[in-house]
Amino acid sequence: MSDHKDLNIADQNRLDAAAFRRFLDHLAMNTDVQNIDLMILADFCRNCLSKWYKAAADDAGLDVSMDEARERIYGMPYNEWKKRYHKEATAEQLAAFEARRESKG
């Protein structure tokens, strides 16, 4: 068995891309997980991923709008996702989010 450190950059990129696509599929199949839940647990959300995707496009000199980046991450236009799946944060979620922010200093 080879060590992952022995992979060439093309193979690393291919595996990273496959894992990322699977991650997006997982998020698409779990729309009950709200962005605030992700922020509480992992300090990132679908909006963060959209911003990172847009930044990567910018770094690569590719013309990708923020709306296009969000659609890639959300799997549909952002406003449509919000209408279908977004729920207002509960008091408990907001408190947990604030506690996480405060714990980071």
N, C-alpha and C. Protein backbone atom coordinates (compact mmCIF):
# COMPACT_ATOMS: atom_id res chain seq x y z
N MET A 1 0.84 -1.18 0.00
CA MET A 1 0.00 0.00 0.00
C MET A 1 0.89 1.24 0.00
N SER A 2 0.58 2.18 -0.88
CA SER A 2 1.40 3.38 -0.95
C SER A 2 0.89 4.43 0.04
N ASP A 3 1.78 5.30 0.40
CA ASP A 3 1.49 6.40 1.31
C ASP A 3 0.84 7.53 0.52
N HIS A 4 -0.14 8.19 1.10
CA HIS A 4 -0.78 9.30 0.39
C HIS A 4 0.21 10.39 0.00
N LYS A 5 1.31 10.47 0.72
CA LYS A 5 2.33 11.48 0.41
C LYS A 5 3.04 11.16 -0.90
N ASP A 6 2.92 9.91 -1.37
CA ASP A 6 3.57 9.50 -2.61
C ASP A 6 2.73 9.83 -3.84
N LEU A 7 1.50 10.31 -3.64
CA LEU A 7 0.65 10.64 -4.78
C LEU A 7 1.18 11.89 -5.48
N ASN A 8 1.09 11.87 -6.81
CA ASN A 8 1.48 13.08 -7.53
C ASN A 8 0.36 14.11 -7.41
N ILE A 9 0.65 15.34 -7.79
CA ILE A 9 -0.31 16.43 -7.60
C ILE A 9 -1.59 16.20 -8.41
N ALA A 10 -1.48 15.61 -9.58
CA ALA A 10 -2.68 15.36 -10.39
C ALA A 10 -3.60 14.36 -9.69
N ASP A 11 -3.01 13.31 -9.12
CA ASP A 11 -3.83 12.33 -8.40
C ASP A 11 -4.41 12.93 -7.12
N GLN A 12 -3.63 13.74 -6.41
CA GLN A 12 -4.14 14.42 -5.22
C GLN A 12 -5.32 15.30 -5.59
N ASN A 13 -5.17 16.07 -6.65
CA ASN A 13 -6.25 16.96 -7.08
C ASN A 13 -7.49 16.17 -7.49
N ARG A 14 -7.30 15.05 -8.17
CA ARG A 14 -8.43 14.21 -8.59
C ARG A 14 -9.16 13.66 -7.37
N LEU A 15 -8.43 13.20 -6.37
CA LEU A 15 -9.05 12.66 -5.16
C LEU A 15 -9.70 13.77 -4.34
N ASP A 16 -9.02 14.91 -4.23
CA ASP A 16 -9.60 16.05 -3.51
C ASP A 16 -10.92 16.47 -4.16
N ALA A 17 -10.93 16.56 -5.47
CA ALA A 17 -12.14 16.97 -6.19
C ALA A 17 -13.25 15.95 -6.00
N ALA A 18 -12.93 14.67 -6.04
CA ALA A 18 -13.95 13.63 -5.85
C ALA A 18 -14.53 13.70 -4.43
N ALA A 19 -13.66 13.91 -3.45
CA ALA A 19 -14.14 14.02 -2.07
C ALA A 19 -15.01 15.26 -1.89
N PHE A 20 -14.62 16.36 -2.52
CA PHE A 20 -15.40 17.59 -2.43
C PHE A 20 -16.78 17.41 -3.08
N ARG A 21 -16.81 16.77 -4.26
CA ARG A 21 -18.11 16.53 -4.90
C ARG A 21 -18.99 15.65 -4.02
N ARG A 22 -18.39 14.66 -3.39
CA ARG A 22 -19.17 13.79 -2.49
C ARG A 22 -19.67 14.58 -1.28
N PHE A 23 -18.86 15.48 -0.77
CA PHE A 23 -19.25 16.34 0.34
C PHE A 23 -20.45 17.21 -0.06
N LEU A 24 -20.39 17.81 -1.26
CA LEU A 24 -21.51 18.61 -1.74
C LEU A 24 -22.77 17.76 -1.89
N ASP A 25 -22.62 16.56 -2.41
CA ASP A 25 -23.77 15.64 -2.51
C ASP A 25 -24.35 15.35 -1.13
N HIS A 26 -23.48 15.15 -0.16
CA HIS A 26 -23.92 14.87 1.21
C HIS A 26 -24.71 16.06 1.77
N LEU A 27 -24.21 17.26 1.56
CA LEU A 27 -24.94 18.45 2.01
C LEU A 27 -26.28 18.55 1.31
N ALA A 28 -26.32 18.24 0.02
CA ALA A 28 -27.57 18.32 -0.75
C ALA A 28 -28.59 17.31 -0.25
N MET A 29 -28.12 16.18 0.24
CA MET A 29 -29.03 15.14 0.74
C MET A 29 -29.44 15.39 2.20
N ASN A 30 -28.82 16.35 2.84
CA ASN A 30 -29.09 16.63 4.25
C ASN A 30 -29.46 18.10 4.43
N THR A 31 -30.49 18.51 3.73
CA THR A 31 -30.93 19.90 3.78
C THR A 31 -31.52 20.28 5.13
N ASP A 32 -31.80 19.29 5.96
CA ASP A 32 -32.28 19.59 7.31
C ASP A 32 -31.18 20.18 8.17
N VAL A 33 -29.94 19.97 7.78
CA VAL A 33 -28.81 20.57 8.50
C VAL A 33 -28.70 22.01 8.04
N GLN A 34 -29.01 22.91 8.93
CA GLN A 34 -29.02 24.33 8.62
C GLN A 34 -27.60 24.90 8.70
N ASN A 35 -27.38 26.01 8.03
CA ASN A 35 -26.07 26.65 8.07
C ASN A 35 -25.64 26.98 9.49
N ILE A 36 -26.57 27.40 10.32
CA ILE A 36 -26.18 27.72 11.70
C ILE A 36 -25.70 26.47 12.44
N ASP A 37 -26.27 25.30 12.12
CA ASP A 37 -25.81 24.05 12.73
C ASP A 37 -24.35 23.79 12.34
N LEU A 38 -24.05 24.00 11.07
CA LEU A 38 -22.67 23.83 10.60
C LEU A 38 -21.74 24.83 11.28
N MET A 39 -22.18 26.07 11.42
CA MET A 39 -21.35 27.08 12.07
C MET A 39 -21.08 26.74 13.53
N ILE A 40 -22.09 26.22 14.21
CA ILE A 40 -21.93 25.86 15.62
C ILE A 40 -20.93 24.72 15.76
N LEU A 41 -21.06 23.72 14.92
CA LEU A 41 -20.23 22.52 15.05
C LEU A 41 -18.85 22.64 14.41
N ALA A 42 -18.78 23.33 13.26
CA ALA A 42 -17.54 23.28 12.50
C ALA A 42 -16.99 24.65 12.10
N ASP A 43 -17.70 25.72 12.45
CA ASP A 43 -17.26 27.07 12.17
C ASP A 43 -17.15 27.37 10.67
N PHE A 44 -17.99 26.72 9.88
CA PHE A 44 -18.13 27.05 8.46
C PHE A 44 -19.54 26.62 8.06
N CYS A 45 -19.99 27.13 6.91
CA CYS A 45 -21.31 26.77 6.41
C CYS A 45 -21.30 26.78 4.89
N ARG A 46 -22.43 26.56 4.30
CA ARG A 46 -22.54 26.57 2.84
C ARG A 46 -22.13 27.93 2.27
N ASN A 47 -22.45 29.00 2.98
CA ASN A 47 -22.05 30.33 2.50
C ASN A 47 -20.54 30.47 2.51
N CYS A 48 -19.89 29.94 3.52
CA CYS A 48 -18.43 29.96 3.57
C CYS A 48 -17.85 29.19 2.38
N LEU A 49 -18.40 28.01 2.12
CA LEU A 49 -17.94 27.22 0.98
C LEU A 49 -18.12 27.99 -0.33
N SER A 50 -19.23 28.70 -0.45
CA SER A 50 -19.47 29.50 -1.65
C SER A 50 -18.40 30.57 -1.81
N LYS A 51 -18.06 31.23 -0.70
CA LYS A 51 -17.03 32.27 -0.75
C LYS A 51 -15.66 31.68 -1.10
N TRP A 52 -15.36 30.51 -0.54
CA TRP A 52 -14.08 29.85 -0.85
C TRP A 52 -14.03 29.42 -2.31
N TYR A 53 -15.16 28.94 -2.83
CA TYR A 53 -15.25 28.54 -4.23
C TYR A 53 -15.01 29.75 -5.13
N LYS A 54 -15.66 30.86 -4.80
CA LYS A 54 -15.50 32.10 -5.57
C LYS A 54 -14.05 32.57 -5.50
N ALA A 55 -13.45 32.53 -4.34
CA ALA A 55 -12.06 32.96 -4.19
C ALA A 55 -11.12 32.07 -5.01
N ALA A 56 -11.39 30.78 -5.02
CA ALA A 56 -10.56 29.86 -5.82
C ALA A 56 -10.70 30.18 -7.31
N ALA A 57 -11.90 30.49 -7.74
CA ALA A 57 -12.12 30.87 -9.14
C ALA A 57 -11.36 32.15 -9.45
N ASP A 58 -11.46 33.12 -8.57
CA ASP A 58 -10.74 34.38 -8.76
C ASP A 58 -9.24 34.13 -8.85
N ASP A 59 -8.72 33.31 -7.93
CA ASP A 59 -7.28 33.00 -7.93
C ASP A 59 -6.84 32.32 -9.22
N ALA A 60 -7.76 31.53 -9.81
CA ALA A 60 -7.45 30.82 -11.05
C ALA A 60 -7.73 31.67 -12.29
N GLY A 61 -8.19 32.90 -12.07
CA GLY A 61 -8.49 33.78 -13.19
C GLY A 61 -9.75 33.39 -13.94
N LEU A 62 -10.66 32.70 -13.25
CA LEU A 62 -11.91 32.25 -13.87
C LEU A 62 -13.04 33.21 -13.50
N ASP A 63 -13.91 33.45 -14.45
CA ASP A 63 -15.02 34.38 -14.25
C ASP A 63 -16.22 33.62 -13.69
N VAL A 64 -16.29 33.56 -12.36
CA VAL A 64 -17.40 32.90 -11.67
C VAL A 64 -18.00 33.94 -10.72
N SER A 65 -19.27 34.20 -10.87
CA SER A 65 -19.93 35.17 -10.00
C SER A 65 -20.23 34.53 -8.64
N MET A 66 -20.55 35.37 -7.67
CA MET A 66 -20.94 34.86 -6.36
C MET A 66 -22.21 34.04 -6.47
N ASP A 67 -23.15 34.47 -7.30
CA ASP A 67 -24.38 33.70 -7.49
C ASP A 67 -24.08 32.33 -8.08
N GLU A 68 -23.15 32.27 -9.03
CA GLU A 68 -22.77 30.99 -9.64
C GLU A 68 -22.08 30.09 -8.61
N ALA A 69 -21.23 30.69 -7.78
CA ALA A 69 -20.56 29.91 -6.74
C ALA A 69 -21.58 29.34 -5.76
N ARG A 70 -22.53 30.17 -5.35
CA ARG A 70 -23.56 29.68 -4.43
C ARG A 70 -24.38 28.56 -5.06
N GLU A 71 -24.72 28.72 -6.33
CA GLU A 71 -25.51 27.68 -7.00
C GLU A 71 -24.74 26.36 -7.05
N ARG A 72 -23.44 26.44 -7.25
CA ARG A 72 -22.61 25.22 -7.25
C ARG A 72 -22.65 24.54 -5.89
N ILE A 73 -22.53 25.32 -4.83
CA ILE A 73 -22.49 24.76 -3.48
C ILE A 73 -23.87 24.30 -3.02
N TYR A 74 -24.88 25.11 -3.27
CA TYR A 74 -26.24 24.79 -2.82
C TYR A 74 -26.95 23.81 -3.75
N GLY A 75 -26.46 23.65 -4.97
CA GLY A 75 -27.09 22.74 -5.92
C GLY A 75 -28.30 23.32 -6.61
N MET A 76 -28.55 24.59 -6.39
CA MET A 76 -29.68 25.31 -6.99
C MET A 76 -29.46 26.79 -6.67
N PRO A 77 -30.21 27.67 -7.31
CA PRO A 77 -30.06 29.08 -6.95
C PRO A 77 -30.29 29.28 -5.44
N TYR A 78 -29.49 30.15 -4.87
CA TYR A 78 -29.51 30.38 -3.42
C TYR A 78 -30.90 30.75 -2.92
N ASN A 79 -31.58 31.66 -3.61
CA ASN A 79 -32.91 32.08 -3.15
C ASN A 79 -33.89 30.91 -3.16
N GLU A 80 -33.75 30.02 -4.13
CA GLU A 80 -34.63 28.84 -4.17
C GLU A 80 -34.34 27.93 -2.98
N TRP A 81 -33.06 27.72 -2.67
CA TRP A 81 -32.70 26.87 -1.53
C TRP A 81 -33.27 27.47 -0.25
N LYS A 82 -33.12 28.78 -0.10
CA LYS A 82 -33.64 29.44 1.11
C LYS A 82 -35.15 29.24 1.24
N LYS A 83 -35.88 29.40 0.14
CA LYS A 83 -37.33 29.22 0.18
C LYS A 83 -37.71 27.79 0.56
N ARG A 84 -36.98 26.84 0.03
CA ARG A 84 -37.32 25.42 0.26
C ARG A 84 -36.88 24.91 1.63
N TYR A 85 -35.68 25.29 2.06
CA TYR A 85 -35.07 24.59 3.19
C TYR A 85 -34.69 25.45 4.39
N HIS A 86 -34.50 26.73 4.19
CA HIS A 86 -34.03 27.57 5.30
C HIS A 86 -35.09 27.69 6.40
N LYS A 87 -34.63 27.55 7.63
CA LYS A 87 -35.49 27.76 8.80
C LYS A 87 -34.82 28.82 9.66
N GLU A 88 -35.63 29.66 10.28
CA GLU A 88 -35.07 30.65 11.18
C GLU A 88 -34.38 29.94 12.35
N ALA A 89 -33.28 30.50 12.77
CA ALA A 89 -32.53 29.91 13.89
C ALA A 89 -33.35 30.00 15.17
N THR A 90 -33.28 28.95 15.95
CA THR A 90 -33.96 28.94 17.24
C THR A 90 -33.12 29.71 18.26
N ALA A 91 -33.73 30.03 19.38
CA ALA A 91 -33.00 30.70 20.46
C ALA A 91 -31.82 29.85 20.92
N GLU A 92 -32.03 28.52 20.95
CA GLU A 92 -30.96 27.61 21.38
C GLU A 92 -29.80 27.63 20.39
N GLN A 93 -30.12 27.64 19.10
CA GLN A 93 -29.06 27.69 18.09
C GLN A 93 -28.28 29.00 18.18
N LEU A 94 -28.99 30.09 18.32
CA LEU A 94 -28.32 31.38 18.43
C LEU A 94 -27.43 31.45 19.66
N ALA A 95 -27.90 30.90 20.77
CA ALA A 95 -27.09 30.88 21.99
C ALA A 95 -25.84 30.01 21.80
N ALA A 96 -25.99 28.87 21.17
CA ALA A 96 -24.85 27.99 20.92
C ALA A 96 -23.85 28.65 19.97
N PHE A 97 -24.36 29.33 18.96
CA PHE A 97 -23.50 30.05 18.02
C PHE A 97 -22.72 31.15 18.74
N GLU A 98 -23.39 31.90 19.57
CA GLU A 98 -22.73 32.97 20.31
C GLU A 98 -21.70 32.40 21.28
N ALA A 99 -22.03 31.28 21.93
CA ALA A 99 -21.07 30.65 22.86
C ALA A 99 -19.83 30.20 22.11
N ARG A 100 -20.00 29.67 20.92
CA ARG A 100 -18.83 29.25 20.12
C ARG A 100 -17.98 30.46 19.77
N ARG A 101 -18.61 31.53 19.34
CA ARG A 101 -17.88 32.75 18.99
C ARG A 101 -17.10 33.27 20.18
N GLU A 102 -17.75 33.28 21.35
CA GLU A 102 -17.09 33.79 22.55
C GLU A 102 -15.93 32.89 22.97
N SER A 103 -16.05 31.59 22.74
CA SER A 103 -15.00 30.66 23.14
C SER A 103 -13.74 30.82 22.29
N LYS A 104 -13.91 31.42 21.13
CA LYS A 104 -12.77 31.63 20.23
C LYS A 104 -11.99 32.89 20.57
N GLY A 105 -12.53 33.67 21.48
CA GLY A 105 -11.82 34.85 21.93
C GLY A 105 -12.20 36.05 21.24
